[in-house]
Amino acid sequence: MFWDVLAVMVMMFLGSTFFWPWLRERPFIFLGYWAACAWLTILAALLAVYDMAKVRLDAKHARDELKREFFRNDDSDSSHDSRPN
């Protein structure tokens, strides 16, 4: 994802400064260049959404595992201490 965002930033910089006169003279290359830049931008956004979903899912699994571990230990501790008074 880092490399994708870096490539988009470099492409945007080069396309709006150094390549601008050359791209302006060639309309199909202009459209292709900026379409590639747009595709990489959309790819970065999709990777970010995937990453957020993966982090949330991993956190949910970790939380569920902690609940299972806590309640398993809680049940085993309470069974040893359940003496009649």
PDB file of N, CA and C in Angstrom:
ATOM      1  N   MET A   1       0.830  -1.184   0.000  1.00  0.00           N
ATOM      2  CA  MET A   1       0.000   0.000   0.000  1.00  0.00           C
ATOM      3  C   MET A   1       0.879   1.253   0.000  1.00  0.00           C
ATOM      4  N   PHE A   2       1.972   1.195   0.737  1.00  0.00           N
ATOM      5  CA  PHE A   2       2.882   2.339   0.762  1.00  0.00           C
ATOM      6  C   PHE A   2       3.397   2.648  -0.632  1.00  0.00           C
ATOM      7  N   TRP A   3       3.817   1.606  -1.343  1.00  0.00           N
ATOM      8  CA  TRP A   3       4.384   1.801  -2.676  1.00  0.00           C
ATOM      9  C   TRP A   3       3.332   2.298  -3.659  1.00  0.00           C
ATOM     10  N   ASP A   4       2.108   1.848  -3.481  1.00  0.00           N
ATOM     11  CA  ASP A   4       1.016   2.308  -4.345  1.00  0.00           C
ATOM     12  C   ASP A   4       0.767   3.800  -4.157  1.00  0.00           C
ATOM     13  N   VAL A   5       0.678   4.237  -2.920  1.00  0.00           N
ATOM     14  CA  VAL A   5       0.447   5.658  -2.642  1.00  0.00           C
ATOM     15  C   VAL A   5       1.639   6.493  -3.115  1.00  0.00           C
ATOM     16  N   LEU A   6       2.838   5.984  -2.914  1.00  0.00           N
ATOM     17  CA  LEU A   6       4.026   6.697  -3.381  1.00  0.00           C
ATOM     18  C   LEU A   6       4.016   6.832  -4.903  1.00  0.00           C
ATOM     19  N   ALA A   7       3.648   5.766  -5.601  1.00  0.00           N
ATOM     20  CA  ALA A   7       3.585   5.811  -7.067  1.00  0.00           C
ATOM     21  C   ALA A   7       2.543   6.823  -7.532  1.00  0.00           C
ATOM     22  N   VAL A   8       1.402   6.877  -6.875  1.00  0.00           N
ATOM     23  CA  VAL A   8       0.363   7.847  -7.244  1.00  0.00           C
ATOM     24  C   VAL A   8       0.867   9.273  -7.030  1.00  0.00           C
ATOM     25  N   MET A   9       1.520   9.501  -5.923  1.00  0.00           N
ATOM     26  CA  MET A   9       2.028  10.850  -5.654  1.00  0.00           C
ATOM     27  C   MET A   9       3.068  11.269  -6.688  1.00  0.00           C
ATOM     28  N   VAL A  10       3.963  10.360  -7.039  1.00  0.00           N
ATOM     29  CA  VAL A  10       4.987  10.670  -8.044  1.00  0.00           C
ATOM     30  C   VAL A  10       4.342  10.892  -9.411  1.00  0.00           C
ATOM     31  N   MET A  11       3.372  10.045  -9.762  1.00  0.00           N
ATOM     32  CA  MET A  11       2.695  10.206 -11.051  1.00  0.00           C
ATOM     33  C   MET A  11       1.942  11.534 -11.117  1.00  0.00           C
ATOM     34  N   MET A  12       1.277  11.898 -10.033  1.00  0.00           N
ATOM     35  CA  MET A  12       0.545  13.163 -10.040  1.00  0.00           C
ATOM     36  C   MET A  12       1.498  14.346 -10.163  1.00  0.00           C
ATOM     37  N   PHE A  13       2.615  14.278  -9.452  1.00  0.00           N
ATOM     38  CA  PHE A  13       3.591  15.358  -9.527  1.00  0.00           C
ATOM     39  C   PHE A  13       4.173  15.472 -10.932  1.00  0.00           C
ATOM     40  N   LEU A  14       4.618  14.338 -11.479  1.00  0.00           N
ATOM     41  CA  LEU A  14       5.224  14.357 -12.810  1.00  0.00           C
ATOM     42  C   LEU A  14       4.206  14.736 -13.889  1.00  0.00           C
ATOM     43  N   GLY A  15       2.978  14.230 -13.756  1.00  0.00           N
ATOM     44  CA  GLY A  15       1.957  14.521 -14.750  1.00  0.00           C
ATOM     45  C   GLY A  15       1.503  15.967 -14.753  1.00  0.00           C
ATOM     46  N   SER A  16       1.598  16.602 -13.611  1.00  0.00           N
ATOM     47  CA  SER A  16       1.154  18.002 -13.557  1.00  0.00           C
ATOM     48  C   SER A  16       2.299  19.001 -13.726  1.00  0.00           C
ATOM     49  N   THR A  17       3.534  18.523 -13.770  1.00  0.00           N
ATOM     50  CA  THR A  17       4.664  19.447 -13.957  1.00  0.00           C
ATOM     51  C   THR A  17       5.460  19.112 -15.210  1.00  0.00           C
ATOM     52  N   PHE A  18       6.332  18.142 -15.139  1.00  0.00           N
ATOM     53  CA  PHE A  18       7.275  17.845 -16.217  1.00  0.00           C
ATOM     54  C   PHE A  18       6.618  17.240 -17.454  1.00  0.00           C
ATOM     55  N   PHE A  19       5.641  16.341 -17.272  1.00  0.00           N
ATOM     56  CA  PHE A  19       5.013  15.676 -18.408  1.00  0.00           C
ATOM     57  C   PHE A  19       3.856  16.473 -18.998  1.00  0.00           C
ATOM     58  N   TRP A  20       3.458  17.552 -18.354  1.00  0.00           N
ATOM     59  CA  TRP A  20       2.263  18.278 -18.776  1.00  0.00           C
ATOM     60  C   TRP A  20       2.296  18.701 -20.256  1.00  0.00           C
ATOM     61  N   PRO A  21       3.342  19.348 -20.749  1.00  0.00           N
ATOM     62  CA  PRO A  21       3.324  19.741 -22.168  1.00  0.00           C
ATOM     63  C   PRO A  21       3.259  18.533 -23.107  1.00  0.00           C
ATOM     64  N   TRP A  22       3.991  17.493 -22.794  1.00  0.00           N
ATOM     65  CA  TRP A  22       4.001  16.296 -23.622  1.00  0.00           C
ATOM     66  C   TRP A  22       2.641  15.600 -23.603  1.00  0.00           C
ATOM     67  N   LEU A  23       2.022  15.480 -22.426  1.00  0.00           N
ATOM     68  CA  LEU A  23       0.717  14.845 -22.312  1.00  0.00           C
ATOM     69  C   LEU A  23      -0.374  15.672 -22.993  1.00  0.00           C
ATOM     70  N   ARG A  24      -0.229  16.985 -22.938  1.00  0.00           N
ATOM     71  CA  ARG A  24      -1.251  17.860 -23.505  1.00  0.00           C
ATOM     72  C   ARG A  24      -1.307  17.731 -25.034  1.00  0.00           C
ATOM     73  N   GLU A  25      -0.199  17.422 -25.651  1.00  0.00           N
ATOM     74  CA  GLU A  25      -0.154  17.273 -27.100  1.00  0.00           C
ATOM     75  C   GLU A  25      -0.710  15.925 -27.573  1.00  0.00           C
ATOM     76  N   ARG A  26      -0.793  14.953 -26.689  1.00  0.00           N
ATOM     77  CA  ARG A  26      -1.234  13.607 -27.050  1.00  0.00           C
ATOM     78  C   ARG A  26      -2.453  13.232 -26.202  1.00  0.00           C
ATOM     79  N   PRO A  27      -3.661  13.437 -26.722  1.00  0.00           N
ATOM     80  CA  PRO A  27      -4.864  13.245 -25.902  1.00  0.00           C
ATOM     81  C   PRO A  27      -5.083  11.808 -25.430  1.00  0.00           C
ATOM     82  N   PHE A  28      -4.778  10.808 -26.245  1.00  0.00           N
ATOM     83  CA  PHE A  28      -5.002   9.423 -25.817  1.00  0.00           C
ATOM     84  C   PHE A  28      -4.009   9.016 -24.731  1.00  0.00           C
ATOM     85  N   ILE A  29      -2.790   9.443 -24.871  1.00  0.00           N
ATOM     86  CA  ILE A  29      -1.796   9.159 -23.829  1.00  0.00           C
ATOM     87  C   ILE A  29      -2.157   9.925 -22.554  1.00  0.00           C
ATOM     88  N   PHE A  30      -2.655  11.144 -22.711  1.00  0.00           N
ATOM     89  CA  PHE A  30      -3.114  11.935 -21.574  1.00  0.00           C
ATOM     90  C   PHE A  30      -4.196  11.178 -20.797  1.00  0.00           C
ATOM     91  N   LEU A  31      -5.205  10.685 -21.521  1.00  0.00           N
ATOM     92  CA  LEU A  31      -6.291   9.941 -20.874  1.00  0.00           C
ATOM     93  C   LEU A  31      -5.788   8.651 -20.237  1.00  0.00           C
ATOM     94  N   GLY A  32      -4.909   7.953 -20.916  1.00  0.00           N
ATOM     95  CA  GLY A  32      -4.363   6.720 -20.361  1.00  0.00           C
ATOM     96  C   GLY A  32      -3.522   6.951 -19.116  1.00  0.00           C
ATOM     97  N   TYR A  33      -2.725   7.999 -19.156  1.00  0.00           N
ATOM     98  CA  TYR A  33      -1.871   8.324 -18.014  1.00  0.00           C
ATOM     99  C   TYR A  33      -2.714   8.636 -16.785  1.00  0.00           C
ATOM    100  N   TRP A  34      -3.707   9.502 -16.955  1.00  0.00           N
ATOM    101  CA  TRP A  34      -4.525   9.882 -15.814  1.00  0.00           C
ATOM    102  C   TRP A  34      -5.491   8.774 -15.406  1.00  0.00           C
ATOM    103  N   ALA A  35      -5.865   7.905 -16.338  1.00  0.00           N
ATOM    104  CA  ALA A  35      -6.666   6.736 -15.973  1.00  0.00           C
ATOM    105  C   ALA A  35      -5.840   5.779 -15.108  1.00  0.00           C
ATOM    106  N   ALA A  36      -4.582   5.599 -15.462  1.00  0.00           N
ATOM    107  CA  ALA A  36      -3.701   4.755 -14.638  1.00  0.00           C
ATOM    108  C   ALA A  36      -3.515   5.364 -13.249  1.00  0.00           C
ATOM    109  N   CYS A  37      -3.375   6.671 -13.204  1.00  0.00           N
ATOM    110  CA  CYS A  37      -3.245   7.353 -11.913  1.00  0.00           C
ATOM    111  C   CYS A  37      -4.525   7.182 -11.084  1.00  0.00           C
ATOM    112  N   ALA A  38      -5.673   7.311 -11.738  1.00  0.00           N
ATOM    113  CA  ALA A  38      -6.952   7.132 -11.037  1.00  0.00           C
ATOM    114  C   ALA A  38      -7.111   5.692 -10.558  1.00  0.00           C
ATOM    115  N   TRP A  39      -6.710   4.719 -11.389  1.00  0.00           N
ATOM    116  CA  TRP A  39      -6.814   3.326 -10.983  1.00  0.00           C
ATOM    117  C   TRP A  39      -5.942   3.043  -9.758  1.00  0.00           C
ATOM    118  N   LEU A  40      -4.730   3.555  -9.738  1.00  0.00           N
ATOM    119  CA  LEU A  40      -3.864   3.347  -8.572  1.00  0.00           C
ATOM    120  C   LEU A  40      -4.423   4.024  -7.331  1.00  0.00           C
ATOM    121  N   THR A  41      -5.083   5.166  -7.500  1.00  0.00           N
ATOM    122  CA  THR A  41      -5.713   5.841  -6.374  1.00  0.00           C
ATOM    123  C   THR A  41      -6.873   5.007  -5.823  1.00  0.00           C
ATOM    124  N   ILE A  42      -7.699   4.472  -6.721  1.00  0.00           N
ATOM    125  CA  ILE A  42      -8.812   3.614  -6.292  1.00  0.00           C
ATOM    126  C   ILE A  42      -8.276   2.353  -5.626  1.00  0.00           C
ATOM    127  N   LEU A  43      -7.208   1.801  -6.165  1.00  0.00           N
ATOM    128  CA  LEU A  43      -6.586   0.628  -5.563  1.00  0.00           C
ATOM    129  C   LEU A  43      -6.113   0.926  -4.136  1.00  0.00           C
ATOM    130  N   ALA A  44      -5.508   2.079  -3.928  1.00  0.00           N
ATOM    131  CA  ALA A  44      -5.062   2.456  -2.582  1.00  0.00           C
ATOM    132  C   ALA A  44      -6.252   2.567  -1.632  1.00  0.00           C
ATOM    133  N   ALA A  45      -7.354   3.153  -2.099  1.00  0.00           N
ATOM    134  CA  ALA A  45      -8.549   3.271  -1.255  1.00  0.00           C
ATOM    135  C   ALA A  45      -9.126   1.894  -0.931  1.00  0.00           C
ATOM    136  N   LEU A  46      -9.172   1.005  -1.915  1.00  0.00           N
ATOM    137  CA  LEU A  46      -9.674  -0.348  -1.661  1.00  0.00           C
ATOM    138  C   LEU A  46      -8.773  -1.116  -0.702  1.00  0.00           C
ATOM    139  N   LEU A  47      -7.477  -0.953  -0.833  1.00  0.00           N
ATOM    140  CA  LEU A  47      -6.553  -1.598   0.105  1.00  0.00           C
ATOM    141  C   LEU A  47      -6.726  -1.051   1.514  1.00  0.00           C
ATOM    142  N   ALA A  48      -7.002   0.232   1.640  1.00  0.00           N
ATOM    143  CA  ALA A  48      -7.231   0.822   2.957  1.00  0.00           C
ATOM    144  C   ALA A  48      -8.498   0.263   3.587  1.00  0.00           C
ATOM    145  N   VAL A  49      -9.559   0.120   2.805  1.00  0.00           N
ATOM    146  CA  VAL A  49     -10.809  -0.452   3.320  1.00  0.00           C
ATOM    147  C   VAL A  49     -10.586  -1.905   3.729  1.00  0.00           C
ATOM    148  N   TYR A  50      -9.869  -2.665   2.913  1.00  0.00           N
ATOM    149  CA  TYR A  50      -9.556  -4.050   3.255  1.00  0.00           C
ATOM    150  C   TYR A  50      -8.753  -4.121   4.552  1.00  0.00           C
ATOM    151  N   ASP A  51      -7.778  -3.243   4.692  1.00  0.00           N
ATOM    152  CA  ASP A  51      -6.944  -3.236   5.887  1.00  0.00           C
ATOM    153  C   ASP A  51      -7.773  -2.917   7.132  1.00  0.00           C
ATOM    154  N   MET A  52      -8.675  -1.946   7.022  1.00  0.00           N
ATOM    155  CA  MET A  52      -9.537  -1.614   8.170  1.00  0.00           C
ATOM    156  C   MET A  52     -10.421  -2.796   8.545  1.00  0.00           C
ATOM    157  N   ALA A  53     -10.992  -3.475   7.549  1.00  0.00           N
ATOM    158  CA  ALA A  53     -11.841  -4.629   7.828  1.00  0.00           C
ATOM    159  C   ALA A  53     -11.034  -5.758   8.466  1.00  0.00           C
ATOM    160  N   LYS A  54      -9.816  -5.979   7.984  1.00  0.00           N
ATOM    161  CA  LYS A  54      -8.968  -7.035   8.542  1.00  0.00           C
ATOM    162  C   LYS A  54      -8.587  -6.739   9.990  1.00  0.00           C
ATOM    163  N   VAL A  55      -8.274  -5.493  10.291  1.00  0.00           N
ATOM    164  CA  VAL A  55      -7.917  -5.117  11.664  1.00  0.00           C
ATOM    165  C   VAL A  55      -9.122  -5.314  12.589  1.00  0.00           C
ATOM    166  N   ARG A  56     -10.301  -4.923  12.124  1.00  0.00           N
ATOM    167  CA  ARG A  56     -11.502  -5.106  12.946  1.00  0.00           C
ATOM    168  C   ARG A  56     -11.794  -6.582  13.180  1.00  0.00           C
ATOM    169  N   LEU A  57     -11.641  -7.397  12.153  1.00  0.00           N
ATOM    170  CA  LEU A  57     -11.895  -8.825  12.291  1.00  0.00           C
ATOM    171  C   LEU A  57     -10.878  -9.477  13.232  1.00  0.00           C
ATOM    172  N   ASP A  58      -9.608  -9.117  13.110  1.00  0.00           N
ATOM    173  CA  ASP A  58      -8.584  -9.648  14.015  1.00  0.00           C
ATOM    174  C   ASP A  58      -8.850  -9.232  15.456  1.00  0.00           C
ATOM    175  N   ALA A  59      -9.282  -7.997  15.655  1.00  0.00           N
ATOM    176  CA  ALA A  59      -9.599  -7.527  17.011  1.00  0.00           C
ATOM    177  C   ALA A  59     -10.788  -8.296  17.578  1.00  0.00           C
ATOM    178  N   LYS A  60     -11.781  -8.567  16.751  1.00  0.00           N
ATOM    179  CA  LYS A  60     -12.947  -9.333  17.213  1.00  0.00           C
ATOM    180  C   LYS A  60     -12.532 -10.741  17.618  1.00  0.00           C
ATOM    181  N   HIS A  61     -11.685 -11.387  16.806  1.00  0.00           N
ATOM    182  CA  HIS A  61     -11.215 -12.732  17.144  1.00  0.00           C
ATOM    183  C   HIS A  61     -10.400 -12.715  18.437  1.00  0.00           C
ATOM    184  N   ALA A  62      -9.564 -11.723  18.617  1.00  0.00           N
ATOM    185  CA  ALA A  62      -8.769 -11.631  19.844  1.00  0.00           C
ATOM    186  C   ALA A  62      -9.670 -11.398  21.057  1.00  0.00           C
ATOM    187  N   ARG A  63     -10.685 -10.552  20.889  1.00  0.00           N
ATOM    188  CA  ARG A  63     -11.617 -10.285  21.986  1.00  0.00           C
ATOM    189  C   ARG A  63     -12.397 -11.550  22.350  1.00  0.00           C
ATOM    190  N   ASP A  64     -12.854 -12.299  21.349  1.00  0.00           N
ATOM    191  CA  ASP A  64     -13.577 -13.541  21.613  1.00  0.00           C
ATOM    192  C   ASP A  64     -12.676 -14.569  22.298  1.00  0.00           C
ATOM    193  N   GLU A  65     -11.429 -14.640  21.869  1.00  0.00           N
ATOM    194  CA  GLU A  65     -10.491 -15.573  22.499  1.00  0.00           C
ATOM    195  C   GLU A  65     -10.240 -15.195  23.961  1.00  0.00           C
ATOM    196  N   LEU A  66     -10.098 -13.909  24.229  1.00  0.00           N
ATOM    197  CA  LEU A  66      -9.921 -13.471  25.616  1.00  0.00           C
ATOM    198  C   LEU A  66     -11.152 -13.780  26.461  1.00  0.00           C
ATOM    199  N   LYS A  67     -12.339 -13.614  25.899  1.00  0.00           N
ATOM    200  CA  LYS A  67     -13.568 -13.948  26.645  1.00  0.00           C
ATOM    201  C   LYS A  67     -13.600 -15.429  26.975  1.00  0.00           C
ATOM    202  N   ARG A  68     -13.297 -16.269  25.969  1.00  0.00           N
ATOM    203  CA  ARG A  68     -13.297 -17.714  26.219  1.00  0.00           C
ATOM    204  C   ARG A  68     -12.275 -18.080  27.293  1.00  0.00           C
ATOM    205  N   GLU A  69     -11.089 -17.507  27.201  1.00  0.00           N
ATOM    206  CA  GLU A  69     -10.039 -17.817  28.180  1.00  0.00           C
ATOM    207  C   GLU A  69     -10.424 -17.339  29.574  1.00  0.00           C
ATOM    208  N   PHE A  70     -10.984 -16.153  29.660  1.00  0.00           N
ATOM    209  CA  PHE A  70     -11.368 -15.609  30.959  1.00  0.00           C
ATOM    210  C   PHE A  70     -12.470 -16.442  31.597  1.00  0.00           C
ATOM    211  N   PHE A  71     -13.505 -16.764  30.839  1.00  0.00           N
ATOM    212  CA  PHE A  71     -14.613 -17.505  31.416  1.00  0.00           C
ATOM    213  C   PHE A  71     -14.245 -18.949  31.690  1.00  0.00           C
ATOM    214  N   ARG A  72     -13.338 -19.523  30.927  1.00  0.00           N
ATOM    215  CA  ARG A  72     -12.874 -20.878  31.207  1.00  0.00           C
ATOM    216  C   ARG A  72     -12.106 -20.890  32.524  1.00  0.00           C
ATOM    217  N   ASN A  73     -11.226 -19.922  32.751  1.00  0.00           N
ATOM    218  CA  ASN A  73     -10.476 -19.828  34.002  1.00  0.00           C
ATOM    219  C   ASN A  73     -11.394 -19.468  35.157  1.00  0.00           C
ATOM    220  N   ASP A  74     -12.391 -18.632  34.918  1.00  0.00           N
ATOM    221  CA  ASP A  74     -13.326 -18.229  35.964  1.00  0.00           C
ATOM    222  C   ASP A  74     -14.147 -19.428  36.430  1.00  0.00           C
ATOM    223  N   ASP A  75     -14.581 -20.283  35.502  1.00  0.00           N
ATOM    224  CA  ASP A  75     -15.352 -21.468  35.858  1.00  0.00           C
ATOM    225  C   ASP A  75     -14.500 -22.463  36.631  1.00  0.00           C
ATOM    226  N   SER A  76     -13.265 -22.638  36.245  1.00  0.00           N
ATOM    227  CA  SER A  76     -12.412 -23.599  36.945  1.00  0.00           C
ATOM    228  C   SER A  76     -12.046 -23.087  38.335  1.00  0.00           C
ATOM    229  N   ASP A  77     -11.873 -21.773  38.524  1.00  0.00           N
ATOM    230  CA  ASP A  77     -11.586 -21.212  39.843  1.00  0.00           C
ATOM    231  C   ASP A  77     -12.785 -21.301  40.753  1.00  0.00           C
ATOM    232  N   SER A  78     -13.969 -21.079  40.248  1.00  0.00           N
ATOM    233  CA  SER A  78     -15.157 -21.092  41.089  1.00  0.00           C
ATOM    234  C   SER A  78     -15.530 -22.516  41.482  1.00  0.00           C
ATOM    235  N   SER A  79     -15.176 -23.525  40.683  1.00  0.00           N
ATOM    236  CA  SER A  79     -15.513 -24.909  41.050  1.00  0.00           C
ATOM    237  C   SER A  79     -14.653 -25.370  42.221  1.00  0.00           C
ATOM    238  N   HIS A  80     -13.450 -24.840  42.383  1.00  0.00           N
ATOM    239  CA  HIS A  80     -12.601 -25.223  43.512  1.00  0.00           C
ATOM    240  C   HIS A  80     -13.009 -24.508  44.780  1.00  0.00           C
ATOM    241  N   ASP A  81     -13.586 -23.342  44.664  1.00  0.00           N
ATOM    242  CA  ASP A  81     -13.924 -22.536  45.843  1.00  0.00           C
ATOM    243  C   ASP A  81     -15.372 -22.702  46.272  1.00  0.00           C
ATOM    244  N   SER A  82     -16.110 -23.597  45.683  1.00  0.00           N
ATOM    245  CA  SER A  82     -17.537 -23.719  46.018  1.00  0.00           C
ATOM    246  C   SER A  82     -17.738 -24.726  47.143  1.00  0.00           C
ATOM    247  N   ARG A  83     -17.276 -24.348  48.331  1.00  0.00           N
ATOM    248  CA  ARG A  83     -17.477 -25.179  49.525  1.00  0.00           C
ATOM    249  C   ARG A  83     -18.683 -24.664  50.290  1.00  0.00           C
ATOM    250  N   PRO A  84     -19.489 -25.552  50.826  1.00  0.00           N
ATOM    251  CA  PRO A  84     -20.642 -25.079  51.619  1.00  0.00           C
ATOM    252  C   PRO A  84     -20.169 -24.431  52.916  1.00  0.00           C
ATOM    253  N   ASN A  85     -20.849 -23.367  53.312  1.00  0.00           N
ATOM    254  CA  ASN A  85     -20.480 -22.673  54.559  1.00  0.00           C
ATOM    255  C   ASN A  85     -21.153 -23.234  55.737  1.00  0.00           C
TER     256      ASN A  85
END
